[in-house]
Amino acid sequence: AFTWLDRAFDDGASGVLYLRVRRDWDSLRSDPRFAALI
């Protein structure tokens, strides 16, 4: 999931703008990599 989120960020995917609010990412929020991506 983080590999593909990093790719989304690098691609400029608009979905990255919703990291804080999309429930899709609830299972990743406790991971330090999520805070780094934010």
PDB file of all heavy atoms in Angstrom:
ATOM      1  N   ALA A   1       0.836  -1.202   0.000  1.00  0.00           N
ATOM      2  CA  ALA A   1       0.000   0.000   0.000  1.00  0.00           C
ATOM      3  C   ALA A   1       0.870   1.251   0.000  1.00  0.00           C
ATOM      4  O   ALA A   1       0.623   2.188  -0.768  1.00  0.00           O
ATOM      5  CB  ALA A   1      -0.947  -0.003   1.207  1.00  0.00           C
ATOM      6  N   PHE A   2       1.906   1.268   0.818  1.00  0.00           N
ATOM      7  CA  PHE A   2       2.779   2.443   0.875  1.00  0.00           C
ATOM      8  C   PHE A   2       3.604   2.593  -0.400  1.00  0.00           C
ATOM      9  O   PHE A   2       3.860   3.720  -0.845  1.00  0.00           O
ATOM     10  CB  PHE A   2       3.671   2.417   2.114  1.00  0.00           C
ATOM     11  CG  PHE A   2       2.954   2.883   3.346  1.00  0.00           C
ATOM     12  CD1 PHE A   2       2.612   1.985   4.335  1.00  0.00           C
ATOM     13  CD2 PHE A   2       2.598   4.209   3.503  1.00  0.00           C
ATOM     14  CE1 PHE A   2       1.935   2.404   5.471  1.00  0.00           C
ATOM     15  CE2 PHE A   2       1.916   4.645   4.625  1.00  0.00           C
ATOM     16  CZ  PHE A   2       1.585   3.737   5.615  1.00  0.00           C
ATOM     17  N   THR A   3       4.008   1.501  -0.993  1.00  0.00           N
ATOM     18  CA  THR A   3       4.726   1.578  -2.261  1.00  0.00           C
ATOM     19  C   THR A   3       3.867   2.282  -3.306  1.00  0.00           C
ATOM     20  O   THR A   3       4.326   3.183  -4.011  1.00  0.00           O
ATOM     21  CB  THR A   3       5.117   0.167  -2.752  1.00  0.00           C
ATOM     22  OG1 THR A   3       6.035  -0.403  -1.823  1.00  0.00           O
ATOM     23  CG2 THR A   3       5.733   0.206  -4.143  1.00  0.00           C
ATOM     24  N   TRP A   4       2.599   1.898  -3.364  1.00  0.00           N
ATOM     25  CA  TRP A   4       1.701   2.497  -4.347  1.00  0.00           C
ATOM     26  C   TRP A   4       1.279   3.902  -3.954  1.00  0.00           C
ATOM     27  O   TRP A   4       1.058   4.754  -4.825  1.00  0.00           O
ATOM     28  CB  TRP A   4       0.506   1.584  -4.607  1.00  0.00           C
ATOM     29  CG  TRP A   4       0.914   0.457  -5.504  1.00  0.00           C
ATOM     30  CD1 TRP A   4       1.328  -0.797  -5.135  1.00  0.00           C
ATOM     31  CD2 TRP A   4       1.020   0.495  -6.924  1.00  0.00           C
ATOM     32  NE1 TRP A   4       1.669  -1.535  -6.242  1.00  0.00           N
ATOM     33  CE2 TRP A   4       1.487  -0.768  -7.352  1.00  0.00           C
ATOM     34  CE3 TRP A   4       0.753   1.465  -7.885  1.00  0.00           C
ATOM     35  CZ2 TRP A   4       1.697  -1.070  -8.699  1.00  0.00           C
ATOM     36  CZ3 TRP A   4       0.958   1.163  -9.225  1.00  0.00           C
ATOM     37  CH2 TRP A   4       1.428  -0.086  -9.608  1.00  0.00           C
ATOM     38  N   LEU A   5       1.181   4.206  -2.668  1.00  0.00           N
ATOM     39  CA  LEU A   5       0.894   5.583  -2.261  1.00  0.00           C
ATOM     40  C   LEU A   5       2.052   6.502  -2.636  1.00  0.00           C
ATOM     41  O   LEU A   5       1.838   7.633  -3.078  1.00  0.00           O
ATOM     42  CB  LEU A   5       0.622   5.662  -0.751  1.00  0.00           C
ATOM     43  CG  LEU A   5      -0.794   5.353  -0.316  1.00  0.00           C
ATOM     44  CD1 LEU A   5      -0.886   5.325   1.205  1.00  0.00           C
ATOM     45  CD2 LEU A   5      -1.768   6.374  -0.889  1.00  0.00           C
ATOM     46  N   ASP A   6       3.266   6.026  -2.452  1.00  0.00           N
ATOM     47  CA  ASP A   6       4.428   6.810  -2.873  1.00  0.00           C
ATOM     48  C   ASP A   6       4.388   7.068  -4.376  1.00  0.00           C
ATOM     49  O   ASP A   6       4.677   8.174  -4.839  1.00  0.00           O
ATOM     50  CB  ASP A   6       5.734   6.103  -2.496  1.00  0.00           C
ATOM     51  CG  ASP A   6       6.072   6.219  -1.024  1.00  0.00           C
ATOM     52  OD1 ASP A   6       5.640   7.197  -0.380  1.00  0.00           O
ATOM     53  OD2 ASP A   6       6.771   5.319  -0.510  1.00  0.00           O
ATOM     54  N   ARG A   7       4.022   6.053  -5.130  1.00  0.00           N
ATOM     55  CA  ARG A   7       3.915   6.216  -6.575  1.00  0.00           C
ATOM     56  C   ARG A   7       2.823   7.229  -6.917  1.00  0.00           C
ATOM     57  O   ARG A   7       2.991   8.054  -7.811  1.00  0.00           O
ATOM     58  CB  ARG A   7       3.630   4.881  -7.254  1.00  0.00           C
ATOM     59  CG  ARG A   7       3.634   5.003  -8.770  1.00  0.00           C
ATOM     60  CD  ARG A   7       3.427   3.691  -9.449  1.00  0.00           C
ATOM     61  NE  ARG A   7       4.580   2.829  -9.234  1.00  0.00           N
ATOM     62  CZ  ARG A   7       4.717   1.635  -9.787  1.00  0.00           C
ATOM     63  NH1 ARG A   7       3.767   1.157 -10.567  1.00  0.00           N
ATOM     64  NH2 ARG A   7       5.786   0.907  -9.561  1.00  0.00           N
ATOM     65  N   ALA A   8       1.700   7.167  -6.201  1.00  0.00           N
ATOM     66  CA  ALA A   8       0.610   8.126  -6.428  1.00  0.00           C
ATOM     67  C   ALA A   8       1.106   9.547  -6.180  1.00  0.00           C
ATOM     68  O   ALA A   8       0.806  10.468  -6.953  1.00  0.00           O
ATOM     69  CB  ALA A   8      -0.576   7.805  -5.516  1.00  0.00           C
ATOM     70  N   PHE A   9       1.873   9.726  -5.119  1.00  0.00           N
ATOM     71  CA  PHE A   9       2.430  11.042  -4.826  1.00  0.00           C
ATOM     72  C   PHE A   9       3.356  11.489  -5.963  1.00  0.00           C
ATOM     73  O   PHE A   9       3.263  12.606  -6.452  1.00  0.00           O
ATOM     74  CB  PHE A   9       3.189  11.018  -3.497  1.00  0.00           C
ATOM     75  CG  PHE A   9       3.787  12.343  -3.153  1.00  0.00           C
ATOM     76  CD1 PHE A   9       3.028  13.327  -2.554  1.00  0.00           C
ATOM     77  CD2 PHE A   9       5.110  12.609  -3.462  1.00  0.00           C
ATOM     78  CE1 PHE A   9       3.584  14.569  -2.262  1.00  0.00           C
ATOM     79  CE2 PHE A   9       5.675  13.834  -3.168  1.00  0.00           C
ATOM     80  CZ  PHE A   9       4.902  14.818  -2.573  1.00  0.00           C
ATOM     81  N   ASP A  10       4.238  10.599  -6.392  1.00  0.00           N
ATOM     82  CA  ASP A  10       5.180  10.923  -7.469  1.00  0.00           C
ATOM     83  C   ASP A  10       4.469  11.226  -8.784  1.00  0.00           C
ATOM     84  O   ASP A  10       4.934  12.058  -9.569  1.00  0.00           O
ATOM     85  CB  ASP A  10       6.189   9.791  -7.669  1.00  0.00           C
ATOM     86  CG  ASP A  10       7.129   9.618  -6.486  1.00  0.00           C
ATOM     87  OD1 ASP A  10       7.261  10.562  -5.671  1.00  0.00           O
ATOM     88  OD2 ASP A  10       7.735   8.539  -6.375  1.00  0.00           O
ATOM     89  N   ASP A  11       3.331  10.547  -9.025  1.00  0.00           N
ATOM     90  CA  ASP A  11       2.551  10.767 -10.246  1.00  0.00           C
ATOM     91  C   ASP A  11       1.686  12.024 -10.181  1.00  0.00           C
ATOM     92  O   ASP A  11       1.094  12.417 -11.176  1.00  0.00           O
ATOM     93  CB  ASP A  11       1.610   9.577 -10.512  1.00  0.00           C
ATOM     94  CG  ASP A  11       2.331   8.324 -10.953  1.00  0.00           C
ATOM     95  OD1 ASP A  11       3.538   8.393 -11.258  1.00  0.00           O
ATOM     96  OD2 ASP A  11       1.674   7.260 -10.988  1.00  0.00           O
ATOM     97  N   GLY A  12       1.586  12.616  -8.995  1.00  0.00           N
ATOM     98  CA  GLY A  12       0.731  13.787  -8.832  1.00  0.00           C
ATOM     99  C   GLY A  12      -0.748  13.427  -8.816  1.00  0.00           C
ATOM    100  O   GLY A  12      -1.602  14.247  -9.170  1.00  0.00           O
ATOM    101  N   ALA A  13      -1.060  12.210  -8.389  1.00  0.00           N
ATOM    102  CA  ALA A  13      -2.457  11.763  -8.342  1.00  0.00           C
ATOM    103  C   ALA A  13      -3.265  12.628  -7.378  1.00  0.00           C
ATOM    104  O   ALA A  13      -2.825  12.925  -6.268  1.00  0.00           O
ATOM    105  CB  ALA A  13      -2.531  10.301  -7.921  1.00  0.00           C
ATOM    106  N   SER A  14      -4.428  13.032  -7.809  1.00  0.00           N
ATOM    107  CA  SER A  14      -5.268  13.901  -6.985  1.00  0.00           C
ATOM    108  C   SER A  14      -5.722  13.219  -5.697  1.00  0.00           C
ATOM    109  O   SER A  14      -6.011  13.897  -4.710  1.00  0.00           O
ATOM    110  CB  SER A  14      -6.479  14.381  -7.771  1.00  0.00           C
ATOM    111  OG  SER A  14      -7.278  13.288  -8.170  1.00  0.00           O
ATOM    112  N   GLY A  15      -5.764  11.893  -5.681  1.00  0.00           N
ATOM    113  CA  GLY A  15      -6.181  11.170  -4.481  1.00  0.00           C
ATOM    114  C   GLY A  15      -5.303  11.430  -3.282  1.00  0.00           C
ATOM    115  O   GLY A  15      -5.742  11.306  -2.134  1.00  0.00           O
ATOM    116  N   VAL A  16      -4.072  11.846  -3.513  1.00  0.00           N
ATOM    117  CA  VAL A  16      -3.148  12.142  -2.415  1.00  0.00           C
ATOM    118  C   VAL A  16      -3.666  13.322  -1.577  1.00  0.00           C
ATOM    119  O   VAL A  16      -3.419  13.394  -0.383  1.00  0.00           O
ATOM    120  CB  VAL A  16      -1.730  12.422  -2.968  1.00  0.00           C
ATOM    121  CG1 VAL A  16      -0.784  12.905  -1.894  1.00  0.00           C
ATOM    122  CG2 VAL A  16      -1.171  11.185  -3.642  1.00  0.00           C
ATOM    123  N   LEU A  17      -4.421  14.198  -2.200  1.00  0.00           N
ATOM    124  CA  LEU A  17      -4.967  15.348  -1.481  1.00  0.00           C
ATOM    125  C   LEU A  17      -5.958  14.949  -0.397  1.00  0.00           C
ATOM    126  O   LEU A  17      -6.246  15.726   0.508  1.00  0.00           O
ATOM    127  CB  LEU A  17      -5.653  16.313  -2.455  1.00  0.00           C
ATOM    128  CG  LEU A  17      -4.760  16.927  -3.525  1.00  0.00           C
ATOM    129  CD1 LEU A  17      -5.594  17.725  -4.513  1.00  0.00           C
ATOM    130  CD2 LEU A  17      -3.684  17.789  -2.892  1.00  0.00           C
ATOM    131  N   TYR A  18      -6.465  13.728  -0.475  1.00  0.00           N
ATOM    132  CA  TYR A  18      -7.499  13.265   0.442  1.00  0.00           C
ATOM    133  C   TYR A  18      -6.984  12.248   1.462  1.00  0.00           C
ATOM    134  O   TYR A  18      -7.775  11.551   2.096  1.00  0.00           O
ATOM    135  CB  TYR A  18      -8.677  12.679  -0.353  1.00  0.00           C
ATOM    136  CG  TYR A  18      -9.230  13.684  -1.325  1.00  0.00           C
ATOM    137  CD1 TYR A  18      -8.868  13.662  -2.669  1.00  0.00           C
ATOM    138  CD2 TYR A  18     -10.080  14.696  -0.889  1.00  0.00           C
ATOM    139  CE1 TYR A  18      -9.351  14.602  -3.554  1.00  0.00           C
ATOM    140  CE2 TYR A  18     -10.566  15.647  -1.772  1.00  0.00           C
ATOM    141  CZ  TYR A  18     -10.191  15.597  -3.099  1.00  0.00           C
ATOM    142  OH  TYR A  18     -10.674  16.541  -3.974  1.00  0.00           O
ATOM    143  N   LEU A  19      -5.674  12.190   1.637  1.00  0.00           N
ATOM    144  CA  LEU A  19      -5.101  11.226   2.577  1.00  0.00           C
ATOM    145  C   LEU A  19      -5.679  11.376   3.981  1.00  0.00           C
ATOM    146  O   LEU A  19      -5.915  10.394   4.665  1.00  0.00           O
ATOM    147  CB  LEU A  19      -3.574  11.383   2.637  1.00  0.00           C
ATOM    148  CG  LEU A  19      -2.795  10.856   1.452  1.00  0.00           C
ATOM    149  CD1 LEU A  19      -1.324  11.238   1.595  1.00  0.00           C
ATOM    150  CD2 LEU A  19      -2.937   9.358   1.329  1.00  0.00           C
ATOM    151  N   ARG A  20      -5.883  12.589   4.403  1.00  0.00           N
ATOM    152  CA  ARG A  20      -6.371  12.823   5.775  1.00  0.00           C
ATOM    153  C   ARG A  20      -7.822  12.423   5.976  1.00  0.00           C
ATOM    154  O   ARG A  20      -8.227  12.151   7.090  1.00  0.00           O
ATOM    155  CB  ARG A  20      -6.209  14.290   6.137  1.00  0.00           C
ATOM    156  CG  ARG A  20      -4.800  14.679   6.445  1.00  0.00           C
ATOM    157  CD  ARG A  20      -4.834  15.905   7.346  1.00  0.00           C
ATOM    158  NE  ARG A  20      -3.552  16.231   7.881  1.00  0.00           N
ATOM    159  CZ  ARG A  20      -3.022  15.689   8.979  1.00  0.00           C
ATOM    160  NH1 ARG A  20      -3.662  14.759   9.627  1.00  0.00           N
ATOM    161  NH2 ARG A  20      -1.851  16.074   9.418  1.00  0.00           N
ATOM    162  N   VAL A  21      -8.613  12.397   4.923  1.00  0.00           N
ATOM    163  CA  VAL A  21     -10.058  12.211   5.112  1.00  0.00           C
ATOM    164  C   VAL A  21     -10.631  10.904   4.562  1.00  0.00           C
ATOM    165  O   VAL A  21     -11.703  10.486   5.005  1.00  0.00           O
ATOM    166  CB  VAL A  21     -10.849  13.400   4.524  1.00  0.00           C
ATOM    167  CG1 VAL A  21     -10.524  14.682   5.268  1.00  0.00           C
ATOM    168  CG2 VAL A  21     -10.586  13.574   3.041  1.00  0.00           C
ATOM    169  N   ARG A  22      -9.953  10.290   3.608  1.00  0.00           N
ATOM    170  CA  ARG A  22     -10.501   9.046   3.050  1.00  0.00           C
ATOM    171  C   ARG A  22     -10.367   7.899   4.036  1.00  0.00           C
ATOM    172  O   ARG A  22      -9.310   7.668   4.598  1.00  0.00           O
ATOM    173  CB  ARG A  22      -9.788   8.681   1.746  1.00  0.00           C
ATOM    174  CG  ARG A  22     -10.321   9.430   0.562  1.00  0.00           C
ATOM    175  CD  ARG A  22      -9.698   9.053  -0.743  1.00  0.00           C
ATOM    176  NE  ARG A  22      -9.702   7.633  -1.018  1.00  0.00           N
ATOM    177  CZ  ARG A  22      -9.014   7.087  -2.009  1.00  0.00           C
ATOM    178  NH1 ARG A  22      -8.281   7.831  -2.799  1.00  0.00           N
ATOM    179  NH2 ARG A  22      -9.044   5.790  -2.218  1.00  0.00           N
ATOM    180  N   ARG A  23     -11.451   7.183   4.216  1.00  0.00           N
ATOM    181  CA  ARG A  23     -11.464   6.060   5.160  1.00  0.00           C
ATOM    182  C   ARG A  23     -10.617   4.895   4.671  1.00  0.00           C
ATOM    183  O   ARG A  23     -10.241   4.030   5.450  1.00  0.00           O
ATOM    184  CB  ARG A  23     -12.901   5.611   5.401  1.00  0.00           C
ATOM    185  CG  ARG A  23     -13.704   6.721   6.103  1.00  0.00           C
ATOM    186  CD  ARG A  23     -14.985   6.235   6.584  1.00  0.00           C
ATOM    187  NE  ARG A  23     -14.716   5.151   7.524  1.00  0.00           N
ATOM    188  CZ  ARG A  23     -15.640   4.473   8.153  1.00  0.00           C
ATOM    189  NH1 ARG A  23     -16.893   4.755   7.954  1.00  0.00           N
ATOM    190  NH2 ARG A  23     -15.340   3.500   8.972  1.00  0.00           N
ATOM    191  N   ASP A  24     -10.287   4.878   3.392  1.00  0.00           N
ATOM    192  CA  ASP A  24      -9.448   3.818   2.827  1.00  0.00           C
ATOM    193  C   ASP A  24      -8.133   3.681   3.590  1.00  0.00           C
ATOM    194  O   ASP A  24      -7.537   2.611   3.617  1.00  0.00           O
ATOM    195  CB  ASP A  24      -9.075   4.130   1.368  1.00  0.00           C
ATOM    196  CG  ASP A  24     -10.256   4.303   0.454  1.00  0.00           C
ATOM    197  OD1 ASP A  24     -11.258   4.878   0.880  1.00  0.00           O
ATOM    198  OD2 ASP A  24     -10.161   3.859  -0.691  1.00  0.00           O
ATOM    199  N   TRP A  25      -7.689   4.775   4.150  1.00  0.00           N
ATOM    200  CA  TRP A  25      -6.366   4.805   4.785  1.00  0.00           C
ATOM    201  C   TRP A  25      -6.410   4.615   6.294  1.00  0.00           C
ATOM    202  O   TRP A  25      -5.365   4.690   6.950  1.00  0.00           O
ATOM    203  CB  TRP A  25      -5.656   6.113   4.431  1.00  0.00           C
ATOM    204  CG  TRP A  25      -5.786   6.472   2.988  1.00  0.00           C
ATOM    205  CD1 TRP A  25      -6.259   7.635   2.464  1.00  0.00           C
ATOM    206  CD2 TRP A  25      -5.461   5.658   1.863  1.00  0.00           C
ATOM    207  NE1 TRP A  25      -6.249   7.585   1.097  1.00  0.00           N
ATOM    208  CE2 TRP A  25      -5.763   6.386   0.699  1.00  0.00           C
ATOM    209  CE3 TRP A  25      -4.945   4.368   1.728  1.00  0.00           C
ATOM    210  CZ2 TRP A  25      -5.566   5.864  -0.582  1.00  0.00           C
ATOM    211  CZ3 TRP A  25      -4.749   3.856   0.450  1.00  0.00           C
ATOM    212  CH2 TRP A  25      -5.056   4.597  -0.687  1.00  0.00           C
ATOM    213  N   ASP A  26      -7.566   4.353   6.853  1.00  0.00           N
ATOM    214  CA  ASP A  26      -7.676   4.183   8.309  1.00  0.00           C
ATOM    215  C   ASP A  26      -6.725   3.120   8.846  1.00  0.00           C
ATOM    216  O   ASP A  26      -6.131   3.300   9.907  1.00  0.00           O
ATOM    217  CB  ASP A  26      -9.113   3.838   8.717  1.00  0.00           C
ATOM    218  CG  ASP A  26     -10.054   5.020   8.628  1.00  0.00           C
ATOM    219  OD1 ASP A  26      -9.586   6.154   8.382  1.00  0.00           O
ATOM    220  OD2 ASP A  26     -11.272   4.811   8.792  1.00  0.00           O
ATOM    221  N   SER A  27      -6.531   2.045   8.116  1.00  0.00           N
ATOM    222  CA  SER A  27      -5.671   0.962   8.601  1.00  0.00           C
ATOM    223  C   SER A  27      -4.184   1.331   8.535  1.00  0.00           C
ATOM    224  O   SER A  27      -3.353   0.625   9.108  1.00  0.00           O
ATOM    225  CB  SER A  27      -5.914  -0.315   7.788  1.00  0.00           C
ATOM    226  OG  SER A  27      -5.518  -0.131   6.436  1.00  0.00           O
ATOM    227  N   LEU A  28      -3.867   2.426   7.853  1.00  0.00           N
ATOM    228  CA  LEU A  28      -2.468   2.838   7.706  1.00  0.00           C
ATOM    229  C   LEU A  28      -2.084   4.015   8.600  1.00  0.00           C
ATOM    230  O   LEU A  28      -0.908   4.324   8.753  1.00  0.00           O
ATOM    231  CB  LEU A  28      -2.187   3.239   6.251  1.00  0.00           C
ATOM    232  CG  LEU A  28      -2.502   2.223   5.172  1.00  0.00           C
ATOM    233  CD1 LEU A  28      -2.199   2.815   3.798  1.00  0.00           C
ATOM    234  CD2 LEU A  28      -1.722   0.937   5.383  1.00  0.00           C
ATOM    235  N   ARG A  29      -3.062   4.677   9.183  1.00  0.00           N
ATOM    236  CA  ARG A  29      -2.804   5.923   9.917  1.00  0.00           C
ATOM    237  C   ARG A  29      -1.821   5.767  11.071  1.00  0.00           C
ATOM    238  O   ARG A  29      -1.085   6.704  11.382  1.00  0.00           O
ATOM    239  CB  ARG A  29      -4.112   6.515  10.427  1.00  0.00           C
ATOM    240  CG  ARG A  29      -4.996   6.997   9.303  1.00  0.00           C
ATOM    241  CD  ARG A  29      -6.231   7.729   9.803  1.00  0.00           C
ATOM    242  NE  ARG A  29      -7.224   7.815   8.754  1.00  0.00           N
ATOM    243  CZ  ARG A  29      -7.157   8.591   7.682  1.00  0.00           C
ATOM    244  NH1 ARG A  29      -6.115   9.364   7.521  1.00  0.00           N
ATOM    245  NH2 ARG A  29      -8.108   8.592   6.778  1.00  0.00           N
ATOM    246  N   SER A  30      -1.781   4.625  11.710  1.00  0.00           N
ATOM    247  CA  SER A  30      -0.888   4.440  12.862  1.00  0.00           C
ATOM    248  C   SER A  30       0.561   4.178  12.444  1.00  0.00           C
ATOM    249  O   SER A  30       1.467   4.226  13.269  1.00  0.00           O
ATOM    250  CB  SER A  30      -1.379   3.284  13.738  1.00  0.00           C
ATOM    251  OG  SER A  30      -1.338   2.066  13.002  1.00  0.00           O
ATOM    252  N   ASP A  31       0.784   3.945  11.171  1.00  0.00           N
ATOM    253  CA  ASP A  31       2.126   3.665  10.654  1.00  0.00           C
ATOM    254  C   ASP A  31       2.879   4.987  10.474  1.00  0.00           C
ATOM    255  O   ASP A  31       2.337   5.927   9.890  1.00  0.00           O
ATOM    256  CB  ASP A  31       2.002   2.929   9.320  1.00  0.00           C
ATOM    257  CG  ASP A  31       3.308   2.340   8.835  1.00  0.00           C
ATOM    258  OD1 ASP A  31       4.263   3.121   8.623  1.00  0.00           O
ATOM    259  OD2 ASP A  31       3.363   1.117   8.650  1.00  0.00           O
ATOM    260  N   PRO A  32       4.115   5.078  10.959  1.00  0.00           N
ATOM    261  CA  PRO A  32       4.894   6.320  10.805  1.00  0.00           C
ATOM    262  C   PRO A  32       5.060   6.739   9.340  1.00  0.00           C
ATOM    263  O   PRO A  32       5.198   7.927   9.051  1.00  0.00           O
ATOM    264  CB  PRO A  32       6.253   5.989  11.424  1.00  0.00           C
ATOM    265  CG  PRO A  32       6.022   4.791  12.277  1.00  0.00           C
ATOM    266  CD  PRO A  32       4.837   4.065  11.720  1.00  0.00           C
ATOM    267  N   ARG A  33       5.014   5.802   8.421  1.00  0.00           N
ATOM    268  CA  ARG A  33       5.127   6.147   7.003  1.00  0.00           C
ATOM    269  C   ARG A  33       3.946   6.988   6.539  1.00  0.00           C
ATOM    270  O   ARG A  33       4.076   7.812   5.627  1.00  0.00           O
ATOM    271  CB  ARG A  33       5.243   4.877   6.149  1.00  0.00           C
ATOM    272  CG  ARG A  33       6.522   4.108   6.401  1.00  0.00           C
ATOM    273  CD  ARG A  33       6.551   2.800   5.647  1.00  0.00           C
ATOM    274  NE  ARG A  33       5.598   1.857   6.239  1.00  0.00           N
ATOM    275  CZ  ARG A  33       5.425   0.610   5.829  1.00  0.00           C
ATOM    276  NH1 ARG A  33       6.118   0.147   4.798  1.00  0.00           N
ATOM    277  NH2 ARG A  33       4.563  -0.184   6.430  1.00  0.00           N
ATOM    278  N   PHE A  34       2.788   6.814   7.186  1.00  0.00           N
ATOM    279  CA  PHE A  34       1.618   7.599   6.811  1.00  0.00           C
ATOM    280  C   PHE A  34       1.829   9.059   7.182  1.00  0.00           C
ATOM    281  O   PHE A  34       1.586   9.956   6.385  1.00  0.00           O
ATOM    282  CB  PHE A  34       0.355   7.045   7.462  1.00  0.00           C
ATOM    283  CG  PHE A  34      -0.906   7.650   6.913  1.00  0.00           C
ATOM    284  CD1 PHE A  34      -1.439   7.197   5.723  1.00  0.00           C
ATOM    285  CD2 PHE A  34      -1.543   8.683   7.582  1.00  0.00           C
ATOM    286  CE1 PHE A  34      -2.583   7.763   5.192  1.00  0.00           C
ATOM    287  CE2 PHE A  34      -2.690   9.253   7.070  1.00  0.00           C
ATOM    288  CZ  PHE A  34      -3.216   8.792   5.870  1.00  0.00           C
ATOM    289  N   ALA A  35       2.320   9.304   8.398  1.00  0.00           N
ATOM    290  CA  ALA A  35       2.594  10.676   8.827  1.00  0.00           C
ATOM    291  C   ALA A  35       3.650  11.310   7.926  1.00  0.00           C
ATOM    292  O   ALA A  35       3.555  12.488   7.576  1.00  0.00           O
ATOM    293  CB  ALA A  35       3.042  10.699  10.287  1.00  0.00           C
ATOM    294  N   ALA A  36       4.653  10.530   7.528  1.00  0.00           N
ATOM    295  CA  ALA A  36       5.686  11.045   6.639  1.00  0.00           C
ATOM    296  C   ALA A  36       5.096  11.426   5.280  1.00  0.00           C
ATOM    297  O   ALA A  36       5.465  12.447   4.694  1.00  0.00           O
ATOM    298  CB  ALA A  36       6.793  10.004   6.474  1.00  0.00           C
ATOM    299  N   LEU A  37       4.158  10.637   4.795  1.00  0.00           N
ATOM    300  CA  LEU A  37       3.527  10.926   3.515  1.00  0.00           C
ATOM    301  C   LEU A  37       2.668  12.196   3.614  1.00  0.00           C
ATOM    302  O   LEU A  37       2.643  13.007   2.683  1.00  0.00           O
ATOM    303  CB  LEU A  37       2.683   9.729   3.066  1.00  0.00           C
ATOM    304  CG  LEU A  37       2.322   9.644   1.614  1.00  0.00           C
ATOM    305  CD1 LEU A  37       3.571   9.582   0.731  1.00  0.00           C
ATOM    306  CD2 LEU A  37       1.457   8.450   1.344  1.00  0.00           C
ATOM    307  N   ILE A  38       1.989  12.360   4.726  1.00  0.00           N
ATOM    308  CA  ILE A  38       1.189  13.578   4.955  1.00  0.00           C
ATOM    309  C   ILE A  38       2.112  14.799   4.903  1.00  0.00           C
ATOM    310  O   ILE A  38       1.777  15.806   4.261  1.00  0.00           O
ATOM    311  CB  ILE A  38       0.466  13.509   6.325  1.00  0.00           C
ATOM    312  CG1 ILE A  38      -0.598  12.406   6.329  1.00  0.00           C
ATOM    313  CG2 ILE A  38      -0.137  14.864   6.710  1.00  0.00           C
ATOM    314  CD1 ILE A  38      -1.812  12.686   5.507  1.00  0.00           C
TER     315      ILE A  38
END
